[in-house]
Amino acid sequence: PLEKLLKKIDALYLFPDPVIMSEENFLKIKERCAALNIPLFTYSEEFVKEGAFSSLSPNYANIGSQSGTLACKILLRNLSPESIPVQLPIGSYFAVNYSAAEKLKLNLVHLKNIANKVFY
């Protein structure tokens, strides 16, 4: 199934599925994507550290701060939680693997400026 998929795509995004994403599967997928010159995007900085091209994930520090702000509104202003609409998470965390980008012959000049973390 992976080989059929890789013949039809320009990039691959790994999503957080613990049933599918074992260390062994990640290594196989990373190896095949590298051999076929397909950028591998993921949800975790750890995968980028191990050779995936990039990841985009929630910025948990910002989400924690946002949660604290909502808690203060509830406690200090005596607002009911039901009166506060659901909030979208603020911010994201973007990591890039420079070595993987070079192998893909991608120009990282602009990505390095917006990445939260760059691995070499």
PDB file of N, CA and C in Angstrom:
ATOM      1  N   PRO A   1       0.809  -1.210   0.000  1.00  0.00           N
ATOM      2  CA  PRO A   1       0.000   0.000   0.000  1.00  0.00           C
ATOM      3  C   PRO A   1       0.854   1.277   0.000  1.00  0.00           C
ATOM      4  N   LEU A   2       1.957   1.303   0.770  1.00  0.00           N
ATOM      5  CA  LEU A   2       2.797   2.496   0.815  1.00  0.00           C
ATOM      6  C   LEU A   2       3.403   2.788  -0.549  1.00  0.00           C
ATOM      7  N   GLU A   3       3.899   1.776  -1.220  1.00  0.00           N
ATOM      8  CA  GLU A   3       4.539   1.980  -2.519  1.00  0.00           C
ATOM      9  C   GLU A   3       3.560   2.540  -3.537  1.00  0.00           C
ATOM     10  N   LYS A   4       2.326   2.060  -3.540  1.00  0.00           N
ATOM     11  CA  LYS A   4       1.308   2.591  -4.464  1.00  0.00           C
ATOM     12  C   LYS A   4       1.038   4.061  -4.168  1.00  0.00           C
ATOM     13  N   LEU A   5       0.931   4.368  -2.888  1.00  0.00           N
ATOM     14  CA  LEU A   5       0.673   5.744  -2.473  1.00  0.00           C
ATOM     15  C   LEU A   5       1.818   6.664  -2.881  1.00  0.00           C
ATOM     16  N   LEU A   6       3.042   6.242  -2.634  1.00  0.00           N
ATOM     17  CA  LEU A   6       4.202   7.087  -2.910  1.00  0.00           C
ATOM     18  C   LEU A   6       4.362   7.404  -4.393  1.00  0.00           C
ATOM     19  N   LYS A   7       3.825   6.575  -5.259  1.00  0.00           N
ATOM     20  CA  LYS A   7       3.890   6.827  -6.705  1.00  0.00           C
ATOM     21  C   LYS A   7       2.924   7.923  -7.147  1.00  0.00           C
ATOM     22  N   LYS A   8       1.964   8.265  -6.279  1.00  0.00           N
ATOM     23  CA  LYS A   8       0.898   9.201  -6.645  1.00  0.00           C
ATOM     24  C   LYS A   8       0.986  10.560  -5.957  1.00  0.00           C
ATOM     25  N   ILE A   9       1.971  10.768  -5.100  1.00  0.00           N
ATOM     26  CA  ILE A   9       1.975  11.981  -4.282  1.00  0.00           C
ATOM     27  C   ILE A   9       3.246  12.807  -4.468  1.00  0.00           C
ATOM     28  N   ASP A  10       3.152  14.082  -4.089  1.00  0.00           N
ATOM     29  CA  ASP A  10       4.303  14.986  -4.127  1.00  0.00           C
ATOM     30  C   ASP A  10       4.895  15.196  -2.742  1.00  0.00           C
ATOM     31  N   ALA A  11       4.132  14.905  -1.691  1.00  0.00           N
ATOM     32  CA  ALA A  11       4.580  15.055  -0.305  1.00  0.00           C
ATOM     33  C   ALA A  11       3.734  14.126   0.554  1.00  0.00           C
ATOM     34  N   LEU A  12       4.262  13.776   1.731  1.00  0.00           N
ATOM     35  CA  LEU A  12       3.531  12.882   2.627  1.00  0.00           C
ATOM     36  C   LEU A  12       3.465  13.518   4.010  1.00  0.00           C
ATOM     37  N   TYR A  13       2.269  13.505   4.595  1.00  0.00           N
ATOM     38  CA  TYR A  13       2.081  13.989   5.956  1.00  0.00           C
ATOM     39  C   TYR A  13       1.732  12.801   6.853  1.00  0.00           C
ATOM     40  N   LEU A  14       2.543  12.572   7.871  1.00  0.00           N
ATOM     41  CA  LEU A  14       2.252  11.540   8.864  1.00  0.00           C
ATOM     42  C   LEU A  14       1.343  12.134   9.924  1.00  0.00           C
ATOM     43  N   PHE A  15       0.253  11.467  10.206  1.00  0.00           N
ATOM     44  CA  PHE A  15      -0.633  11.969  11.246  1.00  0.00           C
ATOM     45  C   PHE A  15      -0.494  11.122  12.507  1.00  0.00           C
ATOM     46  N   PRO A  16      -0.887  11.665  13.655  1.00  0.00           N
ATOM     47  CA  PRO A  16      -0.658  10.976  14.933  1.00  0.00           C
ATOM     48  C   PRO A  16      -1.596   9.789  15.145  1.00  0.00           C
ATOM     49  N   ASP A  17      -1.188   8.643  14.672  1.00  0.00           N
ATOM     50  CA  ASP A  17      -1.948   7.419  14.861  1.00  0.00           C
ATOM     51  C   ASP A  17      -1.017   6.380  15.487  1.00  0.00           C
ATOM     52  N   PRO A  18      -1.123   6.150  16.795  1.00  0.00           N
ATOM     53  CA  PRO A  18      -0.194   5.247  17.476  1.00  0.00           C
ATOM     54  C   PRO A  18      -0.278   3.797  16.985  1.00  0.00           C
ATOM     55  N   VAL A  19      -1.366   3.425  16.342  1.00  0.00           N
ATOM     56  CA  VAL A  19      -1.484   2.070  15.806  1.00  0.00           C
ATOM     57  C   VAL A  19      -0.554   1.900  14.605  1.00  0.00           C
ATOM     58  N   ILE A  20      -0.455   2.937  13.792  1.00  0.00           N
ATOM     59  CA  ILE A  20       0.358   2.877  12.571  1.00  0.00           C
ATOM     60  C   ILE A  20       1.788   3.333  12.816  1.00  0.00           C
ATOM     61  N   MET A  21       1.965   4.390  13.613  1.00  0.00           N
ATOM     62  CA  MET A  21       3.276   5.024  13.733  1.00  0.00           C
ATOM     63  C   MET A  21       4.151   4.411  14.816  1.00  0.00           C
ATOM     64  N   SER A  22       4.827   3.358  14.461  1.00  0.00           N
ATOM     65  CA  SER A  22       5.855   2.799  15.327  1.00  0.00           C
ATOM     66  C   SER A  22       7.201   3.352  14.859  1.00  0.00           C
ATOM     67  N   GLU A  23       8.235   3.160  15.644  1.00  0.00           N
ATOM     68  CA  GLU A  23       9.568   3.611  15.241  1.00  0.00           C
ATOM     69  C   GLU A  23       9.988   2.905  13.948  1.00  0.00           C
ATOM     70  N   GLU A  24       9.710   1.626  13.861  1.00  0.00           N
ATOM     71  CA  GLU A  24      10.061   0.846  12.674  1.00  0.00           C
ATOM     72  C   GLU A  24       9.342   1.372  11.430  1.00  0.00           C
ATOM     73  N   ASN A  25       8.052   1.661  11.547  1.00  0.00           N
ATOM     74  CA  ASN A  25       7.300   2.194  10.408  1.00  0.00           C
ATOM     75  C   ASN A  25       7.807   3.574  10.000  1.00  0.00           C
ATOM     76  N   PHE A  26       8.100   4.408  10.993  1.00  0.00           N
ATOM     77  CA  PHE A  26       8.633   5.730  10.663  1.00  0.00           C
ATOM     78  C   PHE A  26       9.924   5.609   9.868  1.00  0.00           C
ATOM     79  N   LEU A  27      10.823   4.750  10.313  1.00  0.00           N
ATOM     80  CA  LEU A  27      12.107   4.601   9.623  1.00  0.00           C
ATOM     81  C   LEU A  27      11.920   4.106   8.191  1.00  0.00           C
ATOM     82  N   LYS A  28      11.007   3.169   7.984  1.00  0.00           N
ATOM     83  CA  LYS A  28      10.726   2.673   6.627  1.00  0.00           C
ATOM     84  C   LYS A  28      10.161   3.780   5.747  1.00  0.00           C
ATOM     85  N   ILE A  29       9.196   4.510   6.283  1.00  0.00           N
ATOM     86  CA  ILE A  29       8.564   5.584   5.518  1.00  0.00           C
ATOM     87  C   ILE A  29       9.580   6.675   5.201  1.00  0.00           C
ATOM     88  N   LYS A  30      10.383   7.057   6.184  1.00  0.00           N
ATOM     89  CA  LYS A  30      11.405   8.089   5.975  1.00  0.00           C
ATOM     90  C   LYS A  30      12.384   7.661   4.884  1.00  0.00           C
ATOM     91  N   GLU A  31      12.809   6.429   4.938  1.00  0.00           N
ATOM     92  CA  GLU A  31      13.765   5.896   3.967  1.00  0.00           C
ATOM     93  C   GLU A  31      13.183   5.903   2.549  1.00  0.00           C
ATOM     94  N   ARG A  32      11.945   5.462   2.408  1.00  0.00           N
ATOM     95  CA  ARG A  32      11.307   5.420   1.082  1.00  0.00           C
ATOM     96  C   ARG A  32      11.059   6.831   0.549  1.00  0.00           C
ATOM     97  N   CYS A  33      10.626   7.744   1.409  1.00  0.00           N
ATOM     98  CA  CYS A  33      10.409   9.127   0.970  1.00  0.00           C
ATOM     99  C   CYS A  33      11.729   9.754   0.516  1.00  0.00           C
ATOM    100  N   ALA A  34      12.795   9.506   1.259  1.00  0.00           N
ATOM    101  CA  ALA A  34      14.105  10.047   0.881  1.00  0.00           C
ATOM    102  C   ALA A  34      14.547   9.475  -0.462  1.00  0.00           C
ATOM    103  N   ALA A  35      14.362   8.185  -0.663  1.00  0.00           N
ATOM    104  CA  ALA A  35      14.777   7.553  -1.913  1.00  0.00           C
ATOM    105  C   ALA A  35      13.999   8.091  -3.110  1.00  0.00           C
ATOM    106  N   LEU A  36      12.748   8.472  -2.885  1.00  0.00           N
ATOM    107  CA  LEU A  36      11.894   8.977  -3.972  1.00  0.00           C
ATOM    108  C   LEU A  36      11.835  10.502  -4.018  1.00  0.00           C
ATOM    109  N   ASN A  37      12.620  11.162  -3.159  1.00  0.00           N
ATOM    110  CA  ASN A  37      12.665  12.625  -3.117  1.00  0.00           C
ATOM    111  C   ASN A  37      11.296  13.241  -2.784  1.00  0.00           C
ATOM    112  N   ILE A  38      10.621  12.654  -1.811  1.00  0.00           N
ATOM    113  CA  ILE A  38       9.304  13.122  -1.382  1.00  0.00           C
ATOM    114  C   ILE A  38       9.438  13.749   0.006  1.00  0.00           C
ATOM    115  N   PRO A  39       9.063  15.019   0.169  1.00  0.00           N
ATOM    116  CA  PRO A  39       9.127  15.649   1.497  1.00  0.00           C
ATOM    117  C   PRO A  39       8.205  14.936   2.484  1.00  0.00           C
ATOM    118  N   LEU A  40       8.729  14.692   3.672  1.00  0.00           N
ATOM    119  CA  LEU A  40       7.967  14.022   4.723  1.00  0.00           C
ATOM    120  C   LEU A  40       7.637  15.028   5.819  1.00  0.00           C
ATOM    121  N   PHE A  41       6.357  15.357   5.942  1.00  0.00           N
ATOM    122  CA  PHE A  41       5.856  16.274   6.964  1.00  0.00           C
ATOM    123  C   PHE A  41       5.271  15.446   8.095  1.00  0.00           C
ATOM    124  N   THR A  42       5.320  15.985   9.306  1.00  0.00           N
ATOM    125  CA  THR A  42       4.809  15.238  10.445  1.00  0.00           C
ATOM    126  C   THR A  42       4.264  16.177  11.516  1.00  0.00           C
ATOM    127  N   TYR A  43       3.797  15.591  12.577  1.00  0.00           N
ATOM    128  CA  TYR A  43       3.166  16.315  13.676  1.00  0.00           C
ATOM    129  C   TYR A  43       4.092  16.496  14.870  1.00  0.00           C
ATOM    130  N   SER A  44       5.312  15.933  14.800  1.00  0.00           N
ATOM    131  CA  SER A  44       6.175  15.927  15.970  1.00  0.00           C
ATOM    132  C   SER A  44       7.604  16.351  15.640  1.00  0.00           C
ATOM    133  N   GLU A  45       8.121  17.232  16.450  1.00  0.00           N
ATOM    134  CA  GLU A  45       9.512  17.679  16.316  1.00  0.00           C
ATOM    135  C   GLU A  45      10.482  16.505  16.397  1.00  0.00           C
ATOM    136  N   GLU A  46      10.143  15.488  17.166  1.00  0.00           N
ATOM    137  CA  GLU A  46      11.023  14.324  17.316  1.00  0.00           C
ATOM    138  C   GLU A  46      11.268  13.629  15.984  1.00  0.00           C
ATOM    139  N   PHE A  47      10.244  13.552  15.140  1.00  0.00           N
ATOM    140  CA  PHE A  47      10.414  12.942  13.822  1.00  0.00           C
ATOM    141  C   PHE A  47      11.307  13.810  12.935  1.00  0.00           C
ATOM    142  N   VAL A  48      11.200  15.121  13.079  1.00  0.00           N
ATOM    143  CA  VAL A  48      12.053  16.032  12.310  1.00  0.00           C
ATOM    144  C   VAL A  48      13.502  15.858  12.752  1.00  0.00           C
ATOM    145  N   LYS A  49      13.702  15.736  14.034  1.00  0.00           N
ATOM    146  CA  LYS A  49      15.037  15.503  14.578  1.00  0.00           C
ATOM    147  C   LYS A  49      15.638  14.224  13.989  1.00  0.00           C
ATOM    148  N   GLU A  50      14.781  13.239  13.696  1.00  0.00           N
ATOM    149  CA  GLU A  50      15.233  11.951  13.155  1.00  0.00           C
ATOM    150  C   GLU A  50      15.228  11.894  11.631  1.00  0.00           C
ATOM    151  N   GLY A  51      14.940  13.039  10.964  1.00  0.00           N
ATOM    152  CA  GLY A  51      15.101  13.069   9.516  1.00  0.00           C
ATOM    153  C   GLY A  51      13.904  13.439   8.674  1.00  0.00           C
ATOM    154  N   ALA A  52      12.716  13.602   9.258  1.00  0.00           N
ATOM    155  CA  ALA A  52      11.576  14.085   8.482  1.00  0.00           C
ATOM    156  C   ALA A  52      11.851  15.529   8.072  1.00  0.00           C
ATOM    157  N   PHE A  53      11.234  16.005   7.015  1.00  0.00           N
ATOM    158  CA  PHE A  53      11.489  17.365   6.531  1.00  0.00           C
ATOM    159  C   PHE A  53      11.014  18.435   7.509  1.00  0.00           C
ATOM    160  N   SER A  54       9.756  18.340   7.959  1.00  0.00           N
ATOM    161  CA  SER A  54       9.264  19.372   8.876  1.00  0.00           C
ATOM    162  C   SER A  54       8.068  18.872   9.678  1.00  0.00           C
ATOM    163  N   SER A  55       7.750  19.634  10.714  1.00  0.00           N
ATOM    164  CA  SER A  55       6.558  19.339  11.518  1.00  0.00           C
ATOM    165  C   SER A  55       5.847  20.637  11.860  1.00  0.00           C
ATOM    166  N   LEU A  56       4.554  20.505  12.031  1.00  0.00           N
ATOM    167  CA  LEU A  56       3.732  21.613  12.502  1.00  0.00           C
ATOM    168  C   LEU A  56       2.869  21.051  13.620  1.00  0.00           C
ATOM    169  N   SER A  57       2.979  21.647  14.788  1.00  0.00           N
ATOM    170  CA  SER A  57       2.250  21.148  15.946  1.00  0.00           C
ATOM    171  C   SER A  57       1.740  22.320  16.773  1.00  0.00           C
ATOM    172  N   PRO A  58       0.814  22.051  17.687  1.00  0.00           N
ATOM    173  CA  PRO A  58       0.338  23.125  18.553  1.00  0.00           C
ATOM    174  C   PRO A  58       1.475  23.660  19.421  1.00  0.00           C
ATOM    175  N   ASN A  59       1.427  24.929  19.727  1.00  0.00           N
ATOM    176  CA  ASN A  59       2.377  25.518  20.662  1.00  0.00           C
ATOM    177  C   ASN A  59       1.756  25.369  22.049  1.00  0.00           C
ATOM    178  N   TYR A  60       2.193  24.346  22.767  1.00  0.00           N
ATOM    179  CA  TYR A  60       1.564  24.012  24.040  1.00  0.00           C
ATOM    180  C   TYR A  60       1.751  25.102  25.094  1.00  0.00           C
ATOM    181  N   ALA A  61       2.845  25.831  25.050  1.00  0.00           N
ATOM    182  CA  ALA A  61       3.044  26.935  26.003  1.00  0.00           C
ATOM    183  C   ALA A  61       1.987  28.013  25.771  1.00  0.00           C
ATOM    184  N   ASN A  62       1.731  28.348  24.521  1.00  0.00           N
ATOM    185  CA  ASN A  62       0.709  29.350  24.222  1.00  0.00           C
ATOM    186  C   ASN A  62      -0.683  28.870  24.628  1.00  0.00           C
ATOM    187  N   ILE A  63      -0.951  27.596  24.393  1.00  0.00           N
ATOM    188  CA  ILE A  63      -2.255  27.048  24.759  1.00  0.00           C
ATOM    189  C   ILE A  63      -2.424  27.061  26.278  1.00  0.00           C
ATOM    190  N   GLY A  64      -1.352  26.768  27.011  1.00  0.00           N
ATOM    191  CA  GLY A  64      -1.404  26.837  28.474  1.00  0.00           C
ATOM    192  C   GLY A  64      -1.683  28.249  28.957  1.00  0.00           C
ATOM    193  N   SER A  65      -1.030  29.216  28.338  1.00  0.00           N
ATOM    194  CA  SER A  65      -1.251  30.618  28.692  1.00  0.00           C
ATOM    195  C   SER A  65      -2.688  31.036  28.380  1.00  0.00           C
ATOM    196  N   GLN A  66      -3.168  30.591  27.231  1.00  0.00           N
ATOM    197  CA  GLN A  66      -4.541  30.888  26.837  1.00  0.00           C
ATOM    198  C   GLN A  66      -5.529  30.282  27.836  1.00  0.00           C
ATOM    199  N   SER A  67      -5.255  29.079  28.284  1.00  0.00           N
ATOM    200  CA  SER A  67      -6.117  28.416  29.278  1.00  0.00           C
ATOM    201  C   SER A  67      -6.104  29.192  30.593  1.00  0.00           C
ATOM    202  N   GLY A  68      -4.925  29.655  30.990  1.00  0.00           N
ATOM    203  CA  GLY A  68      -4.812  30.446  32.212  1.00  0.00           C
ATOM    204  C   GLY A  68      -5.615  31.732  32.130  1.00  0.00           C
ATOM    205  N   THR A  69      -5.571  32.381  30.969  1.00  0.00           N
ATOM    206  CA  THR A  69      -6.342  33.612  30.762  1.00  0.00           C
ATOM    207  C   THR A  69      -7.838  33.340  30.890  1.00  0.00           C
ATOM    208  N   LEU A  70      -8.283  32.246  30.316  1.00  0.00           N
ATOM    209  CA  LEU A  70      -9.701  31.889  30.422  1.00  0.00           C
ATOM    210  C   LEU A  70     -10.082  31.588  31.865  1.00  0.00           C
ATOM    211  N   ALA A  71      -9.215  30.887  32.589  1.00  0.00           N
ATOM    212  CA  ALA A  71      -9.483  30.580  34.003  1.00  0.00           C
ATOM    213  C   ALA A  71      -9.591  31.873  34.813  1.00  0.00           C
ATOM    214  N   CYS A  72      -8.706  32.840  34.535  1.00  0.00           N
ATOM    215  CA  CYS A  72      -8.766  34.130  35.244  1.00  0.00           C
ATOM    216  C   CYS A  72     -10.076  34.850  34.955  1.00  0.00           C
ATOM    217  N   LYS A  73     -10.528  34.815  33.702  1.00  0.00           N
ATOM    218  CA  LYS A  73     -11.808  35.449  33.364  1.00  0.00           C
ATOM    219  C   LYS A  73     -12.939  34.827  34.174  1.00  0.00           C
ATOM    220  N   ILE A  74     -12.906  33.518  34.282  1.00  0.00           N
ATOM    221  CA  ILE A  74     -13.959  32.811  35.012  1.00  0.00           C
ATOM    222  C   ILE A  74     -13.900  33.154  36.502  1.00  0.00           C
ATOM    223  N   LEU A  75     -12.695  33.122  37.068  1.00  0.00           N
ATOM    224  CA  LEU A  75     -12.553  33.327  38.511  1.00  0.00           C
ATOM    225  C   LEU A  75     -12.665  34.782  38.934  1.00  0.00           C
ATOM    226  N   LEU A  76     -12.012  35.691  38.197  1.00  0.00           N
ATOM    227  CA  LEU A  76     -11.960  37.095  38.618  1.00  0.00           C
ATOM    228  C   LEU A  76     -13.182  37.903  38.197  1.00  0.00           C
ATOM    229  N   ARG A  77     -13.790  37.512  37.102  1.00  0.00           N
ATOM    230  CA  ARG A  77     -14.962  38.256  36.625  1.00  0.00           C
ATOM    231  C   ARG A  77     -16.265  37.523  36.910  1.00  0.00           C
ATOM    232  N   ASN A  78     -16.147  36.408  37.608  1.00  0.00           N
ATOM    233  CA  ASN A  78     -17.329  35.598  37.936  1.00  0.00           C
ATOM    234  C   ASN A  78     -18.136  35.205  36.698  1.00  0.00           C
ATOM    235  N   LEU A  79     -17.435  34.919  35.616  1.00  0.00           N
ATOM    236  CA  LEU A  79     -18.119  34.471  34.405  1.00  0.00           C
ATOM    237  C   LEU A  79     -18.358  32.971  34.498  1.00  0.00           C
ATOM    238  N   SER A  80     -19.451  32.537  33.923  1.00  0.00           N
ATOM    239  CA  SER A  80     -19.683  31.091  33.874  1.00  0.00           C
ATOM    240  C   SER A  80     -18.925  30.532  32.672  1.00  0.00           C
ATOM    241  N   PRO A  81     -18.353  29.360  32.795  1.00  0.00           N
ATOM    242  CA  PRO A  81     -17.629  28.767  31.665  1.00  0.00           C
ATOM    243  C   PRO A  81     -18.499  28.657  30.406  1.00  0.00           C
ATOM    244  N   GLU A  82     -19.791  28.431  30.589  1.00  0.00           N
ATOM    245  CA  GLU A  82     -20.708  28.315  29.453  1.00  0.00           C
ATOM    246  C   GLU A  82     -20.823  29.615  28.661  1.00  0.00           C
ATOM    247  N   SER A  83     -20.536  30.741  29.309  1.00  0.00           N
ATOM    248  CA  SER A  83     -20.668  32.031  28.625  1.00  0.00           C
ATOM    249  C   SER A  83     -19.465  32.365  27.739  1.00  0.00           C
ATOM    250  N   ILE A  84     -18.400  31.584  27.862  1.00  0.00           N
ATOM    251  CA  ILE A  84     -17.189  31.831  27.069  1.00  0.00           C
ATOM    252  C   ILE A  84     -17.184  30.873  25.886  1.00  0.00           C
ATOM    253  N   PRO A  85     -17.124  31.403  24.671  1.00  0.00           N
ATOM    254  CA  PRO A  85     -17.132  30.522  23.509  1.00  0.00           C
ATOM    255  C   PRO A  85     -15.855  29.670  23.415  1.00  0.00           C
ATOM    256  N   VAL A  86     -15.956  28.580  22.709  1.00  0.00           N
ATOM    257  CA  VAL A  86     -14.790  27.724  22.482  1.00  0.00           C
ATOM    258  C   VAL A  86     -13.721  28.545  21.773  1.00  0.00           C
ATOM    259  N   GLN A  87     -12.489  28.410  22.224  1.00  0.00           N
ATOM    260  CA  GLN A  87     -11.388  29.194  21.680  1.00  0.00           C
ATOM    261  C   GLN A  87     -10.540  28.335  20.738  1.00  0.00           C
ATOM    262  N   LEU A  88     -10.089  28.923  19.656  1.00  0.00           N
ATOM    263  CA  LEU A  88      -9.123  28.249  18.797  1.00  0.00           C
ATOM    264  C   LEU A  88      -7.746  28.378  19.441  1.00  0.00           C
ATOM    265  N   PRO A  89      -6.900  27.361  19.314  1.00  0.00           N
ATOM    266  CA  PRO A  89      -5.565  27.460  19.905  1.00  0.00           C
ATOM    267  C   PRO A  89      -4.770  28.605  19.284  1.00  0.00           C
ATOM    268  N   ILE A  90      -4.011  29.294  20.106  1.00  0.00           N
ATOM    269  CA  ILE A  90      -3.176  30.389  19.626  1.00  0.00           C
ATOM    270  C   ILE A  90      -1.799  29.838  19.283  1.00  0.00           C
ATOM    271  N   GLY A  91      -1.370  30.056  18.072  1.00  0.00           N
ATOM    272  CA  GLY A  91      -0.012  29.731  17.676  1.00  0.00           C
ATOM    273  C   GLY A  91       0.230  28.277  17.344  1.00  0.00           C
ATOM    274  N   SER A  92       1.349  28.068  16.718  1.00  0.00           N
ATOM    275  CA  SER A  92       1.786  26.733  16.359  1.00  0.00           C
ATOM    276  C   SER A  92       3.306  26.676  16.495  1.00  0.00           C
ATOM    277  N   TYR A  93       3.833  25.476  16.384  1.00  0.00           N
ATOM    278  CA  TYR A  93       5.265  25.258  16.519  1.00  0.00           C
ATOM    279  C   TYR A  93       5.742  24.582  15.245  1.00  0.00           C
ATOM    280  N   PHE A  94       6.687  25.216  14.563  1.00  0.00           N
ATOM    281  CA  PHE A  94       7.154  24.742  13.257  1.00  0.00           C
ATOM    282  C   PHE A  94       8.627  24.370  13.350  1.00  0.00           C
ATOM    283  N   ALA A  95       8.944  23.117  13.025  1.00  0.00           N
ATOM    284  CA  ALA A  95      10.325  22.642  13.039  1.00  0.00           C
ATOM    285  C   ALA A  95      10.714  22.172  11.637  1.00  0.00           C
ATOM    286  N   VAL A  96      11.972  22.405  11.271  1.00  0.00           N
ATOM    287  CA  VAL A  96      12.482  22.040   9.938  1.00  0.00           C
ATOM    288  C   VAL A  96      13.813  21.314  10.096  1.00  0.00           C
ATOM    289  N   ASN A  97      14.028  20.317   9.246  1.00  0.00           N
ATOM    290  CA  ASN A  97      15.296  19.607   9.211  1.00  0.00           C
ATOM    291  C   ASN A  97      16.066  20.100   7.983  1.00  0.00           C
ATOM    292  N   TYR A  98      17.134  20.857   8.227  1.00  0.00           N
ATOM    293  CA  TYR A  98      17.898  21.479   7.153  1.00  0.00           C
ATOM    294  C   TYR A  98      18.555  20.431   6.252  1.00  0.00           C
ATOM    295  N   SER A  99      19.069  19.362   6.831  1.00  0.00           N
ATOM    296  CA  SER A  99      19.710  18.314   6.030  1.00  0.00           C
ATOM    297  C   SER A  99      18.707  17.649   5.093  1.00  0.00           C
ATOM    298  N   ALA A 100      17.518  17.368   5.607  1.00  0.00           N
ATOM    299  CA  ALA A 100      16.476  16.763   4.772  1.00  0.00           C
ATOM    300  C   ALA A 100      16.085  17.710   3.643  1.00  0.00           C
ATOM    301  N   ALA A 101      15.993  19.004   3.933  1.00  0.00           N
ATOM    302  CA  ALA A 101      15.647  19.990   2.909  1.00  0.00           C
ATOM    303  C   ALA A 101      16.717  20.063   1.825  1.00  0.00           C
ATOM    304  N   GLU A 102      17.980  20.016   2.223  1.00  0.00           N
ATOM    305  CA  GLU A 102      19.069  20.048   1.243  1.00  0.00           C
ATOM    306  C   GLU A 102      19.006  18.838   0.316  1.00  0.00           C
ATOM    307  N   LYS A 103      18.723  17.662   0.877  1.00  0.00           N
ATOM    308  CA  LYS A 103      18.605  16.449   0.059  1.00  0.00           C
ATOM    309  C   LYS A 103      17.449  16.551  -0.923  1.00  0.00           C
ATOM    310  N   LEU A 104      16.394  17.271  -0.525  1.00  0.00           N
ATOM    311  CA  LEU A 104      15.240  17.488  -1.403  1.00  0.00           C
ATOM    312  C   LEU A 104      15.463  18.652  -2.372  1.00  0.00           C
ATOM    313  N   LYS A 105      16.611  19.316  -2.228  1.00  0.00           N
ATOM    314  CA  LYS A 105      16.964  20.486  -3.029  1.00  0.00           C
ATOM    315  C   LYS A 105      15.956  21.631  -2.852  1.00  0.00           C
ATOM    316  N   LEU A 106      15.558  21.822  -1.596  1.00  0.00           N
ATOM    317  CA  LEU A 106      14.629  22.897  -1.261  1.00  0.00           C
ATOM    318  C   LEU A 106      15.392  24.079  -0.696  1.00  0.00           C
ATOM    319  N   ASN A 107      14.933  25.265  -1.001  1.00  0.00           N
ATOM    320  CA  ASN A 107      15.545  26.487  -0.502  1.00  0.00           C
ATOM    321  C   ASN A 107      14.917  26.827   0.845  1.00  0.00           C
ATOM    322  N   LEU A 108      15.742  26.850   1.865  1.00  0.00           N
ATOM    323  CA  LEU A 108      15.244  27.081   3.217  1.00  0.00           C
ATOM    324  C   LEU A 108      15.398  28.505   3.715  1.00  0.00           C
ATOM    325  N   VAL A 109      15.799  29.418   2.876  1.00  0.00           N
ATOM    326  CA  VAL A 109      16.066  30.784   3.329  1.00  0.00           C
ATOM    327  C   VAL A 109      14.870  31.346   4.097  1.00  0.00           C
ATOM    328  N   HIS A 110      13.678  31.247   3.526  1.00  0.00           N
ATOM    329  CA  HIS A 110      12.504  31.815   4.189  1.00  0.00           C
ATOM    330  C   HIS A 110      12.002  30.934   5.325  1.00  0.00           C
ATOM    331  N   LEU A 111      12.101  29.621   5.157  1.00  0.00           N
ATOM    332  CA  LEU A 111      11.629  28.722   6.210  1.00  0.00           C
ATOM    333  C   LEU A 111      12.433  28.868   7.490  1.00  0.00           C
ATOM    334  N   LYS A 112      13.731  29.077   7.356  1.00  0.00           N
ATOM    335  CA  LYS A 112      14.569  29.234   8.548  1.00  0.00           C
ATOM    336  C   LYS A 112      14.151  30.451   9.360  1.00  0.00           C
ATOM    337  N   ASN A 113      13.623  31.471   8.687  1.00  0.00           N
ATOM    338  CA  ASN A 113      13.210  32.689   9.385  1.00  0.00           C
ATOM    339  C   ASN A 113      11.919  32.511  10.177  1.00  0.00           C
ATOM    340  N   ILE A 114      11.078  31.577   9.756  1.00  0.00           N
ATOM    341  CA  ILE A 114       9.800  31.405  10.455  1.00  0.00           C
ATOM    342  C   ILE A 114       9.766  30.152  11.326  1.00  0.00           C
ATOM    343  N   ALA A 115      10.780  29.303  11.216  1.00  0.00           N
ATOM    344  CA  ALA A 115      10.803  28.064  12.007  1.00  0.00           C
ATOM    345  C   ALA A 115      11.120  28.361  13.468  1.00  0.00           C
ATOM    346  N   ASN A 116      10.461  27.648  14.349  1.00  0.00           N
ATOM    347  CA  ASN A 116      10.770  27.744  15.775  1.00  0.00           C
ATOM    348  C   ASN A 116      12.033  26.972  16.100  1.00  0.00           C
ATOM    349  N   LYS A 117      12.307  25.913  15.318  1.00  0.00           N
ATOM    350  CA  LYS A 117      13.474  25.094  15.551  1.00  0.00           C
ATOM    351  C   LYS A 117      13.976  24.559  14.218  1.00  0.00           C
ATOM    352  N   VAL A 118      15.294  24.623  14.015  1.00  0.00           N
ATOM    353  CA  VAL A 118      15.924  24.082  12.807  1.00  0.00           C
ATOM    354  C   VAL A 118      16.940  23.035  13.233  1.00  0.00           C
ATOM    355  N   PHE A 119      16.806  21.845  12.679  1.00  0.00           N
ATOM    356  CA  PHE A 119      17.766  20.767  12.924  1.00  0.00           C
ATOM    357  C   PHE A 119      18.700  20.690  11.739  1.00  0.00           C
ATOM    358  N   TYR A 120      19.969  20.372  12.006  1.00  0.00           N
ATOM    359  CA  TYR A 120      20.970  20.273  10.928  1.00  0.00           C
ATOM    360  C   TYR A 120      21.493  18.880  10.790  1.00  0.00           C
TER     361      TYR A 120
END
